[in-house]
Amino acid sequence: MLSLYYSPSSPARGNPVFIRERMHLINENLAVGNAQDAERPVRFMTAILNVAAESQIDPPAGRAYAWIPFKEFSEADPTLLDEAVEWLEQHEKDHRLMVCCRAGMGRSVSVVIAYLCLIKGVPYQDAVKQVTARRPGATPLPNLEGTIRFLRELRAKRNGGHAGTP
């Protein structure tokens, strides 16, 4: 993905310069990225979760990798969302995590928001604010809040009644 950047102090002296957008750090151990980021991750991202149904890639060498295919612009399948959040939880202690989709704006940010809500206990609106502040253009999937609510209840039943933060 290319972006236009205008900087009067750049060598181009205010003329547009094309730069490739890179992943966006959500916090010190979690990032969202696009398909190119998944194929060629930066060195310090050691676990890659690809959530783009249309782009299965060869796992990057030396990194934990999973492909959990979400459809673009559709409501998140609760089973897949639960699987993705569990994968992130299983890898959070030993890795810096990057969640990728085609553009790094919809499915990946939705999985990260769900992870923040379900695992870290962040309220939904706060998780959305945190992610959108760090990933301009972030657009959560339709009805994500309802899907997260459903998963919170499902997880509460599995975990003996502990539902986490609403």
Protein backbone atom coordinates (compact mmCIF):
# COMPACT_ATOMS: atom_id res chain seq x y z
CA MET A 1 0.00 0.00 0.00
CA LEU A 2 1.36 3.41 -0.91
CA SER A 3 0.56 6.71 0.71
CA LEU A 4 1.29 10.29 -0.22
CA TYR A 5 3.30 12.21 2.31
CA TYR A 6 4.04 15.93 2.06
CA SER A 7 6.85 17.33 4.10
CA PRO A 8 8.47 20.71 3.57
CA SER A 9 11.63 19.45 5.29
CA SER A 10 11.93 16.27 3.20
CA PRO A 11 14.45 15.96 0.37
CA ALA A 12 11.50 16.31 -2.03
CA ARG A 13 10.91 19.82 -0.56
CA GLY A 14 7.15 19.65 -0.17
CA ASN A 15 6.51 17.52 -3.24
CA PRO A 16 4.54 14.32 -2.71
CA VAL A 17 6.66 11.37 -1.71
CA PHE A 18 5.33 7.82 -1.96
CA ILE A 19 5.89 5.74 1.14
CA ARG A 20 4.71 2.25 1.98
CA GLU A 21 2.51 2.12 5.02
CA ARG A 22 3.80 -0.28 7.61
CA MET A 23 2.10 -2.00 10.46
CA HIS A 24 0.56 0.05 13.23
CA LEU A 25 1.53 -0.65 16.84
CA ILE A 26 -1.52 -0.83 19.09
CA ASN A 27 0.62 -1.37 22.18
CA GLU A 28 4.17 -2.53 22.82
CA ASN A 29 3.38 -6.17 21.98
CA LEU A 30 0.50 -5.96 19.52
CA ALA A 31 0.19 -4.56 16.00
CA VAL A 32 -2.13 -4.61 13.01
CA GLY A 33 -0.80 -4.85 9.49
CA ASN A 34 -1.68 -5.50 5.88
CA ALA A 35 -1.00 -8.45 3.56
CA GLN A 36 2.51 -7.22 2.72
CA ASP A 37 3.34 -6.97 6.41
CA ALA A 38 2.28 -10.60 6.85
CA GLU A 39 4.51 -11.72 3.99
CA ARG A 40 7.51 -9.64 5.11
CA PRO A 41 7.10 -8.86 8.80
CA VAL A 42 9.48 -6.60 10.64
CA ARG A 43 12.11 -8.45 12.64
CA PHE A 44 10.66 -7.84 16.11
CA MET A 45 7.18 -9.24 15.28
CA THR A 46 7.57 -12.92 16.14
CA ALA A 47 3.98 -14.17 15.77
CA ILE A 48 1.76 -13.46 12.77
CA LEU A 49 -1.99 -14.05 12.66
CA ASN A 50 -3.33 -13.72 9.11
CA VAL A 51 -7.12 -13.21 9.13
CA ALA A 52 -7.59 -12.54 5.39
CA ALA A 53 -9.66 -15.27 3.75
CA GLU A 54 -8.34 -14.31 0.32
CA SER A 55 -4.62 -14.49 1.08
CA GLN A 56 -3.07 -17.60 2.51
CA ILE A 57 0.68 -16.99 2.55
CA ASP A 58 3.73 -19.10 3.20
CA PRO A 59 4.46 -18.75 6.90
CA PRO A 60 7.40 -16.41 7.49
CA ALA A 61 10.49 -18.35 8.57
CA GLY A 62 11.18 -18.45 12.29
CA ARG A 63 7.83 -17.03 13.38
CA ALA A 64 4.70 -18.47 14.92
CA TYR A 65 1.98 -18.27 12.27
CA ALA A 66 -1.71 -19.01 11.89
CA TRP A 67 -4.30 -18.41 9.17
CA ILE A 68 -7.84 -17.94 10.45
CA PRO A 69 -9.86 -16.79 7.42
CA PHE A 70 -12.44 -14.04 7.95
CA LYS A 71 -14.55 -12.71 5.07
CA GLU A 72 -14.02 -9.06 4.26
CA PHE A 73 -16.83 -6.58 5.17
CA SER A 74 -18.97 -9.31 6.80
CA GLU A 75 -19.90 -9.88 10.41
CA ALA A 76 -17.22 -11.84 12.21
CA ASP A 77 -18.01 -15.52 12.56
CA PRO A 78 -18.08 -16.05 16.36
CA THR A 79 -16.27 -19.40 16.10
CA LEU A 80 -13.44 -17.88 14.06
CA LEU A 81 -13.24 -14.81 16.29
CA ASP A 82 -13.01 -16.99 19.38
CA GLU A 83 -10.29 -19.09 17.71
CA ALA A 84 -8.32 -15.97 16.73
CA VAL A 85 -8.54 -14.45 20.21
CA GLU A 86 -7.45 -17.77 21.76
CA TRP A 87 -4.47 -17.95 19.38
CA LEU A 88 -3.38 -14.46 20.41
CA GLU A 89 -3.81 -15.33 24.08
CA GLN A 90 -1.72 -18.50 23.67
CA HIS A 91 1.12 -16.57 22.03
CA GLU A 92 1.05 -13.29 23.98
CA LYS A 93 3.57 -14.30 26.66
CA ASP A 94 6.39 -15.36 24.33
CA HIS A 95 5.85 -13.18 21.26
CA ARG A 96 5.18 -9.76 19.84
CA LEU A 97 1.97 -10.22 17.88
CA MET A 98 0.86 -8.85 14.52
CA VAL A 99 -2.65 -9.41 13.15
CA CYS A 100 -2.92 -8.90 9.39
CA CYS A 101 -5.61 -8.73 6.71
CA ARG A 102 -5.61 -7.34 3.16
CA ALA A 103 -5.47 -3.66 4.14
CA GLY A 104 -4.97 -3.87 7.92
CA MET A 105 -8.10 -1.84 8.56
CA GLY A 106 -11.14 -4.09 9.09
CA ARG A 107 -10.72 -7.73 10.01
CA SER A 108 -7.35 -7.31 11.73
CA VAL A 109 -8.51 -4.38 13.87
CA SER A 110 -11.71 -6.29 14.72
CA VAL A 111 -9.71 -9.26 16.02
CA VAL A 112 -7.49 -6.91 18.04
CA ILE A 113 -10.52 -5.12 19.51
CA ALA A 114 -12.04 -8.49 20.48
CA TYR A 115 -8.73 -9.57 22.06
CA LEU A 116 -8.52 -6.35 24.08
CA CYS A 117 -12.11 -6.81 25.28
CA LEU A 118 -12.12 -10.54 25.95
CA ILE A 119 -8.58 -11.11 27.23
CA LYS A 120 -7.43 -7.76 28.58
CA GLY A 121 -10.83 -6.70 29.97
CA VAL A 122 -10.98 -3.40 28.07
CA PRO A 123 -14.56 -2.11 27.58
CA TYR A 124 -15.64 -2.19 23.93
CA GLN A 125 -15.77 1.58 23.32
CA ASP A 126 -12.37 2.06 24.96
CA ALA A 127 -10.86 -0.74 22.84
CA VAL A 128 -12.27 0.87 19.68
CA LYS A 129 -10.81 4.25 20.71
CA GLN A 130 -7.42 2.71 21.49
CA VAL A 131 -7.22 0.92 18.14
CA THR A 132 -8.59 3.74 15.99
CA ALA A 133 -6.21 6.23 17.62
CA ARG A 134 -3.27 4.09 16.52
CA ARG A 135 -4.64 2.81 13.20
CA PRO A 136 -6.12 5.67 11.15
CA GLY A 137 -8.95 4.43 8.96
CA ALA A 138 -9.70 1.45 11.21
CA THR A 139 -13.20 0.17 10.52
CA PRO A 140 -14.47 -2.63 12.78
CA LEU A 141 -16.60 -5.31 11.16
CA PRO A 142 -20.41 -4.97 11.35
CA ASN A 143 -21.99 -5.92 14.70
CA LEU A 144 -18.59 -6.54 16.28
CA GLU A 145 -19.79 -5.34 19.67
CA GLY A 146 -22.67 -7.86 19.61
CA THR A 147 -20.34 -10.68 18.56
CA ILE A 148 -17.94 -9.84 21.38
CA ARG A 149 -20.85 -9.75 23.84
CA PHE A 150 -21.95 -13.21 22.61
CA LEU A 151 -18.40 -14.57 22.99
CA ARG A 152 -18.07 -13.07 26.48
CA GLU A 153 -21.21 -14.97 27.52
CA LEU A 154 -20.01 -18.16 25.84
CA ARG A 155 -16.62 -17.91 27.54
CA ALA A 156 -18.32 -17.26 30.89
CA LYS A 157 -20.23 -20.53 30.55
CA ARG A 158 -17.03 -22.39 29.62
CA ASN A 159 -15.09 -20.80 32.50
CA GLY A 160 -17.61 -21.42 35.24
CA GLY A 161 -19.42 -18.09 35.20
CA HIS A 162 -16.62 -15.49 34.93
CA ALA A 163 -17.68 -13.15 32.11
CA GLY A 164 -14.95 -10.50 32.15
CA THR A 165 -15.54 -6.79 31.55
CA PRO A 166 -18.67 -5.75 29.61
